[in-house]
């Protein structure tokens, strides 16, 4: 393994905010072996590389690349949006989360539809849009509001059903920060920027 692997292992552990001892326990190895990996004194097995990749929530390629090559090639705005979408849908797993995924998907799909309709309806792709140019905006807004209402009802337990409590939601932002150490800072930036823009209006 390269020095890049050693550097990335140390940097990702520190970003995750765990001690070497705690990380070693969760990775199923001794602290001394993890120390050797982080110092570049030992090469790890493919099995360990896969475990470390899953533990830190990054690709194997990200663990092996030099730090200067590991930087995100996407523009910040795009990286923030992708991080937000990934966190939303990845965190809504399991039986409880599945009930929320449908309305969440429809809400975001309508936002994408409106954006693409605005950008592309005037060109050659305009024929791909069949909804009335006079009604699409109101209909898309209505669909988003219905999806938001469904999510609110599911979360509040309206209609006599118990409130939907996906595991990720009960963990709160602290749980998201721990589970998504790479993407969470981008999500927070997106949320802060959105709130700042709303306050300036």
C-alpha atoms as a PDB file:
ATOM      1  CA  UNK A   1       0.000   0.000   0.000  1.00  0.00           C
ATOM      2  CA  UNK A   2       1.137   3.561  -0.693  1.00  0.00           C
ATOM      3  CA  UNK A   3       1.789   6.426   1.679  1.00  0.00           C
ATOM      4  CA  UNK A   4      -1.424   7.897   0.293  1.00  0.00           C
ATOM      5  CA  UNK A   5      -3.353   5.019   1.892  1.00  0.00           C
ATOM      6  CA  UNK A   6      -1.647   5.659   5.244  1.00  0.00           C
ATOM      7  CA  UNK A   7      -2.387   9.395   5.044  1.00  0.00           C
ATOM      8  CA  UNK A   8      -6.014   8.882   4.003  1.00  0.00           C
ATOM      9  CA  UNK A   9      -6.641   6.306   6.735  1.00  0.00           C
ATOM     10  CA  UNK A  10      -5.411   8.736   9.377  1.00  0.00           C
ATOM     11  CA  UNK A  11      -7.214  11.755   7.910  1.00  0.00           C
ATOM     12  CA  UNK A  12     -10.543   9.923   7.541  1.00  0.00           C
ATOM     13  CA  UNK A  13     -10.370   8.566  11.094  1.00  0.00           C
ATOM     14  CA  UNK A  14      -9.762  12.066  12.437  1.00  0.00           C
ATOM     15  CA  UNK A  15     -12.595  13.468  10.316  1.00  0.00           C
ATOM     16  CA  UNK A  16     -14.853  10.790  11.746  1.00  0.00           C
ATOM     17  CA  UNK A  17     -13.796  11.864  15.220  1.00  0.00           C
ATOM     18  CA  UNK A  18     -12.856   8.413  16.535  1.00  0.00           C
ATOM     19  CA  UNK A  19      -9.762   7.290  18.370  1.00  0.00           C
ATOM     20  CA  UNK A  20      -7.375   4.801  16.845  1.00  0.00           C
ATOM     21  CA  UNK A  21      -8.452   2.265  19.465  1.00  0.00           C
ATOM     22  CA  UNK A  22     -12.174   2.693  18.708  1.00  0.00           C
ATOM     23  CA  UNK A  23     -11.588   2.544  14.947  1.00  0.00           C
ATOM     24  CA  UNK A  24      -9.482  -0.614  15.299  1.00  0.00           C
ATOM     25  CA  UNK A  25     -12.231  -2.306  17.335  1.00  0.00           C
ATOM     26  CA  UNK A  26     -14.898  -1.455  14.768  1.00  0.00           C
ATOM     27  CA  UNK A  27     -12.644  -2.566  11.914  1.00  0.00           C
ATOM     28  CA  UNK A  28     -11.926  -5.884  13.662  1.00  0.00           C
ATOM     29  CA  UNK A  29      -8.151  -5.497  14.014  1.00  0.00           C
ATOM     30  CA  UNK A  30      -5.724  -4.612  16.797  1.00  0.00           C
ATOM     31  CA  UNK A  31      -4.801  -1.018  17.499  1.00  0.00           C
ATOM     32  CA  UNK A  32      -1.149  -1.776  16.795  1.00  0.00           C
ATOM     33  CA  UNK A  33      -2.002  -3.139  13.331  1.00  0.00           C
ATOM     34  CA  UNK A  34      -4.112  -0.060  12.553  1.00  0.00           C
ATOM     35  CA  UNK A  35      -1.217   2.084  13.736  1.00  0.00           C
ATOM     36  CA  UNK A  36       1.076   0.266  11.294  1.00  0.00           C
ATOM     37  CA  UNK A  37      -1.411   0.890   8.459  1.00  0.00           C
ATOM     38  CA  UNK A  38      -1.682   4.569   9.345  1.00  0.00           C
ATOM     39  CA  UNK A  39       2.116   4.925   9.474  1.00  0.00           C
ATOM     40  CA  UNK A  40       2.572   3.103   6.174  1.00  0.00           C
ATOM     41  CA  UNK A  41       4.582   0.309   7.816  1.00  0.00           C
ATOM     42  CA  UNK A  42       2.302  -2.528   6.725  1.00  0.00           C
ATOM     43  CA  UNK A  43       0.256  -3.289   3.617  1.00  0.00           C
ATOM     44  CA  UNK A  44      -3.350  -4.297   4.231  1.00  0.00           C
ATOM     45  CA  UNK A  45      -5.365  -7.075   2.669  1.00  0.00           C
ATOM     46  CA  UNK A  46      -8.114  -6.522   0.114  1.00  0.00           C
ATOM     47  CA  UNK A  47     -10.633  -7.638   2.746  1.00  0.00           C
ATOM     48  CA  UNK A  48      -9.460  -4.903   5.110  1.00  0.00           C
ATOM     49  CA  UNK A  49      -9.505  -2.315   2.322  1.00  0.00           C
ATOM     50  CA  UNK A  50     -13.166  -3.144   1.706  1.00  0.00           C
ATOM     51  CA  UNK A  51     -13.975  -2.950   5.431  1.00  0.00           C
ATOM     52  CA  UNK A  52     -12.196   0.405   5.768  1.00  0.00           C
ATOM     53  CA  UNK A  53     -14.033   1.705   2.704  1.00  0.00           C
ATOM     54  CA  UNK A  54     -17.406   0.774   4.233  1.00  0.00           C
ATOM     55  CA  UNK A  55     -16.437   2.084   7.683  1.00  0.00           C
ATOM     56  CA  UNK A  56     -15.393   5.504   6.408  1.00  0.00           C
ATOM     57  CA  UNK A  57     -18.119   5.704   3.767  1.00  0.00           C
ATOM     58  CA  UNK A  58     -15.744   6.270   0.849  1.00  0.00           C
ATOM     59  CA  UNK A  59     -14.702   4.288  -2.217  1.00  0.00           C
ATOM     60  CA  UNK A  60     -11.610   2.066  -2.200  1.00  0.00           C
ATOM     61  CA  UNK A  61     -10.241   4.369  -4.869  1.00  0.00           C
ATOM     62  CA  UNK A  62     -10.621   7.328  -2.496  1.00  0.00           C
ATOM     63  CA  UNK A  63      -8.575   5.461   0.140  1.00  0.00           C
ATOM     64  CA  UNK A  64      -5.751   4.729  -2.289  1.00  0.00           C
ATOM     65  CA  UNK A  65      -5.442   8.051  -4.135  1.00  0.00           C
ATOM     66  CA  UNK A  66      -2.940  10.744  -3.102  1.00  0.00           C
ATOM     67  CA  UNK A  67      -4.644  13.580  -1.165  1.00  0.00           C
ATOM     68  CA  UNK A  68      -4.282  16.079  -4.006  1.00  0.00           C
ATOM     69  CA  UNK A  69      -6.083  13.650  -6.348  1.00  0.00           C
ATOM     70  CA  UNK A  70      -8.740  12.765  -3.779  1.00  0.00           C
ATOM     71  CA  UNK A  71     -10.253  16.239  -3.859  1.00  0.00           C
ATOM     72  CA  UNK A  72     -13.799  16.378  -5.148  1.00  0.00           C
ATOM     73  CA  UNK A  73     -13.714  17.268  -8.870  1.00  0.00           C
ATOM     74  CA  UNK A  74     -17.285  18.568  -8.810  1.00  0.00           C
ATOM     75  CA  UNK A  75     -18.157  22.249  -8.417  1.00  0.00           C
ATOM     76  CA  UNK A  76     -19.189  22.974  -4.789  1.00  0.00           C
ATOM     77  CA  UNK A  77     -22.867  23.569  -5.612  1.00  0.00           C
ATOM     78  CA  UNK A  78     -23.158  20.275  -7.481  1.00  0.00           C
ATOM     79  CA  UNK A  79     -21.313  18.372  -4.753  1.00  0.00           C
ATOM     80  CA  UNK A  80     -23.632  19.863  -2.123  1.00  0.00           C
ATOM     81  CA  UNK A  81     -26.788  18.869  -4.007  1.00  0.00           C
ATOM     82  CA  UNK A  82     -25.533  15.344  -4.670  1.00  0.00           C
ATOM     83  CA  UNK A  83     -24.557  14.956  -1.015  1.00  0.00           C
ATOM     84  CA  UNK A  84     -28.011  16.110   0.120  1.00  0.00           C
ATOM     85  CA  UNK A  85     -29.833  13.736  -2.241  1.00  0.00           C
ATOM     86  CA  UNK A  86     -27.589  10.833  -1.261  1.00  0.00           C
ATOM     87  CA  UNK A  87     -28.130  11.423   2.456  1.00  0.00           C
ATOM     88  CA  UNK A  88     -31.912  11.715   2.079  1.00  0.00           C
ATOM     89  CA  UNK A  89     -32.382   8.492   0.158  1.00  0.00           C
ATOM     90  CA  UNK A  90     -29.637   6.454   1.816  1.00  0.00           C
ATOM     91  CA  UNK A  91     -30.930   7.344   5.281  1.00  0.00           C
ATOM     92  CA  UNK A  92     -34.519   6.353   4.459  1.00  0.00           C
ATOM     93  CA  UNK A  93     -33.846   2.622   4.429  1.00  0.00           C
ATOM     94  CA  UNK A  94     -35.723  -0.090   6.238  1.00  0.00           C
ATOM     95  CA  UNK A  95     -39.456  -0.570   6.596  1.00  0.00           C
ATOM     96  CA  UNK A  96     -40.124   2.822   8.212  1.00  0.00           C
ATOM     97  CA  UNK A  97     -37.948   4.699   5.765  1.00  0.00           C
ATOM     98  CA  UNK A  98     -39.612   3.042   2.771  1.00  0.00           C
ATOM     99  CA  UNK A  99     -42.910   4.748   3.625  1.00  0.00           C
ATOM    100  CA  UNK A 100     -41.148   8.112   3.370  1.00  0.00           C
ATOM    101  CA  UNK A 101     -39.086   7.401   0.260  1.00  0.00           C
ATOM    102  CA  UNK A 102     -41.997   7.563  -2.204  1.00  0.00           C
ATOM    103  CA  UNK A 103     -43.234  11.043  -1.257  1.00  0.00           C
ATOM    104  CA  UNK A 104     -39.626  12.281  -0.872  1.00  0.00           C
ATOM    105  CA  UNK A 105     -38.781  11.020  -4.368  1.00  0.00           C
ATOM    106  CA  UNK A 106     -41.902  12.600  -5.915  1.00  0.00           C
ATOM    107  CA  UNK A 107     -41.151  15.930  -4.207  1.00  0.00           C
ATOM    108  CA  UNK A 108     -37.596  16.036  -5.557  1.00  0.00           C
ATOM    109  CA  UNK A 109     -38.593  14.659  -8.971  1.00  0.00           C
ATOM    110  CA  UNK A 110     -41.071  17.516  -9.423  1.00  0.00           C
ATOM    111  CA  UNK A 111     -38.388  20.080  -8.518  1.00  0.00           C
ATOM    112  CA  UNK A 112     -36.119  18.514 -11.166  1.00  0.00           C
ATOM    113  CA  UNK A 113     -38.968  18.452 -13.678  1.00  0.00           C
ATOM    114  CA  UNK A 114     -39.614  22.166 -13.195  1.00  0.00           C
ATOM    115  CA  UNK A 115     -35.933  22.986 -13.641  1.00  0.00           C
ATOM    116  CA  UNK A 116     -35.580  20.896 -16.804  1.00  0.00           C
ATOM    117  CA  UNK A 117     -38.832  22.248 -18.183  1.00  0.00           C
ATOM    118  CA  UNK A 118     -37.588  25.797 -17.665  1.00  0.00           C
ATOM    119  CA  UNK A 119     -34.183  25.092 -19.231  1.00  0.00           C
ATOM    120  CA  UNK A 120     -35.124  22.850 -22.157  1.00  0.00           C
ATOM    121  CA  UNK A 121     -38.750  23.397 -23.151  1.00  0.00           C
ATOM    122  CA  UNK A 122     -37.806  26.164 -25.580  1.00  0.00           C
ATOM    123  CA  UNK A 123     -35.365  24.088 -27.650  1.00  0.00           C
ATOM    124  CA  UNK A 124     -35.596  20.940 -29.722  1.00  0.00           C
ATOM    125  CA  UNK A 125     -36.357  18.963 -26.563  1.00  0.00           C
ATOM    126  CA  UNK A 126     -39.542  21.000 -26.050  1.00  0.00           C
ATOM    127  CA  UNK A 127     -41.549  18.303 -27.785  1.00  0.00           C
ATOM    128  CA  UNK A 128     -40.633  15.902 -24.961  1.00  0.00           C
ATOM    129  CA  UNK A 129     -42.794  17.945 -22.582  1.00  0.00           C
ATOM    130  CA  UNK A 130     -46.477  17.196 -23.067  1.00  0.00           C
ATOM    131  CA  UNK A 131     -48.001  19.007 -20.084  1.00  0.00           C
ATOM    132  CA  UNK A 132     -49.525  22.386 -20.949  1.00  0.00           C
ATOM    133  CA  UNK A 133     -47.004  25.248 -20.853  1.00  0.00           C
ATOM    134  CA  UNK A 134     -49.671  27.281 -19.052  1.00  0.00           C
ATOM    135  CA  UNK A 135     -50.386  24.691 -16.362  1.00  0.00           C
ATOM    136  CA  UNK A 136     -47.191  22.763 -15.719  1.00  0.00           C
ATOM    137  CA  UNK A 137     -45.786  25.121 -13.075  1.00  0.00           C
ATOM    138  CA  UNK A 138     -48.968  25.110 -10.980  1.00  0.00           C
ATOM    139  CA  UNK A 139     -49.402  21.348 -11.388  1.00  0.00           C
ATOM    140  CA  UNK A 140     -45.795  20.645 -10.403  1.00  0.00           C
ATOM    141  CA  UNK A 141     -46.137  22.957  -7.381  1.00  0.00           C
ATOM    142  CA  UNK A 142     -49.333  21.170  -6.387  1.00  0.00           C
ATOM    143  CA  UNK A 143     -47.652  17.763  -6.690  1.00  0.00           C
ATOM    144  CA  UNK A 144     -44.779  18.991  -4.501  1.00  0.00           C
ATOM    145  CA  UNK A 145     -47.218  20.309  -1.904  1.00  0.00           C
ATOM    146  CA  UNK A 146     -49.116  17.003  -1.872  1.00  0.00           C
ATOM    147  CA  UNK A 147     -45.853  15.090  -1.392  1.00  0.00           C
ATOM    148  CA  UNK A 148     -44.820  17.441   1.407  1.00  0.00           C
ATOM    149  CA  UNK A 149     -48.238  17.008   3.066  1.00  0.00           C
ATOM    150  CA  UNK A 150     -47.930  13.207   2.844  1.00  0.00           C
ATOM    151  CA  UNK A 151     -44.492  13.336   4.441  1.00  0.00           C
ATOM    152  CA  UNK A 152     -45.790  15.605   7.220  1.00  0.00           C
ATOM    153  CA  UNK A 153     -48.744  13.292   7.889  1.00  0.00           C
ATOM    154  CA  UNK A 154     -46.550  10.184   7.977  1.00  0.00           C
ATOM    155  CA  UNK A 155     -44.095  11.832  10.369  1.00  0.00           C
ATOM    156  CA  UNK A 156     -46.885  13.101  12.651  1.00  0.00           C
ATOM    157  CA  UNK A 157     -48.944   9.895  12.598  1.00  0.00           C
ATOM    158  CA  UNK A 158     -52.046  11.553  11.139  1.00  0.00           C
ATOM    159  CA  UNK A 159     -55.069   9.364  10.454  1.00  0.00           C
ATOM    160  CA  UNK A 160     -54.629   7.126  13.490  1.00  0.00           C
ATOM    161  CA  UNK A 161     -51.435   5.474  12.287  1.00  0.00           C
ATOM    162  CA  UNK A 162     -48.354   5.660  14.522  1.00  0.00           C
ATOM    163  CA  UNK A 163     -45.776   8.271  13.460  1.00  0.00           C
ATOM    164  CA  UNK A 164     -43.194   6.942  11.020  1.00  0.00           C
ATOM    165  CA  UNK A 165     -39.800   6.962  12.722  1.00  0.00           C
ATOM    166  CA  UNK A 166     -37.033   6.000  10.316  1.00  0.00           C
ATOM    167  CA  UNK A 167     -33.860   5.155  12.234  1.00  0.00           C
ATOM    168  CA  UNK A 168     -31.954   7.981  10.568  1.00  0.00           C
ATOM    169  CA  UNK A 169     -34.577  10.520  11.651  1.00  0.00           C
ATOM    170  CA  UNK A 170     -34.457   9.505  15.300  1.00  0.00           C
ATOM    171  CA  UNK A 171     -30.653   9.806  15.217  1.00  0.00           C
ATOM    172  CA  UNK A 172     -30.984  13.443  14.169  1.00  0.00           C
ATOM    173  CA  UNK A 173     -28.257  15.576  12.682  1.00  0.00           C
ATOM    174  CA  UNK A 174     -25.671  14.136  15.060  1.00  0.00           C
ATOM    175  CA  UNK A 175     -26.373  10.678  13.618  1.00  0.00           C
ATOM    176  CA  UNK A 176     -26.132  11.965  10.058  1.00  0.00           C
ATOM    177  CA  UNK A 177     -22.811  13.653  10.824  1.00  0.00           C
ATOM    178  CA  UNK A 178     -21.447  10.392  12.194  1.00  0.00           C
ATOM    179  CA  UNK A 179     -22.817   8.172   9.431  1.00  0.00           C
ATOM    180  CA  UNK A 180     -21.959  10.492   6.511  1.00  0.00           C
ATOM    181  CA  UNK A 181     -18.679  12.182   7.518  1.00  0.00           C
ATOM    182  CA  UNK A 182     -17.799  13.159   3.941  1.00  0.00           C
ATOM    183  CA  UNK A 183     -21.190  14.387   2.753  1.00  0.00           C
ATOM    184  CA  UNK A 184     -22.571  15.955   5.944  1.00  0.00           C
ATOM    185  CA  UNK A 185     -20.520  19.194   5.812  1.00  0.00           C
ATOM    186  CA  UNK A 186     -21.770  19.756   2.250  1.00  0.00           C
ATOM    187  CA  UNK A 187     -25.365  19.214   3.353  1.00  0.00           C
ATOM    188  CA  UNK A 188     -24.952  21.732   6.173  1.00  0.00           C
ATOM    189  CA  UNK A 189     -23.503  24.298   3.738  1.00  0.00           C
ATOM    190  CA  UNK A 190     -26.459  23.790   1.399  1.00  0.00           C
ATOM    191  CA  UNK A 191     -28.961  24.262   4.239  1.00  0.00           C
ATOM    192  CA  UNK A 192     -27.202  27.359   5.575  1.00  0.00           C
ATOM    193  CA  UNK A 193     -26.994  28.906   2.111  1.00  0.00           C
ATOM    194  CA  UNK A 194     -30.702  28.223   1.510  1.00  0.00           C
ATOM    195  CA  UNK A 195     -31.687  29.828   4.813  1.00  0.00           C
ATOM    196  CA  UNK A 196     -29.427  32.818   4.196  1.00  0.00           C
ATOM    197  CA  UNK A 197     -31.007  33.351   0.788  1.00  0.00           C
ATOM    198  CA  UNK A 198     -34.502  33.181   2.287  1.00  0.00           C
ATOM    199  CA  UNK A 199     -33.589  35.732   4.971  1.00  0.00           C
ATOM    200  CA  UNK A 200     -32.284  38.141   2.325  1.00  0.00           C
ATOM    201  CA  UNK A 201     -35.547  38.192   0.401  1.00  0.00           C
END
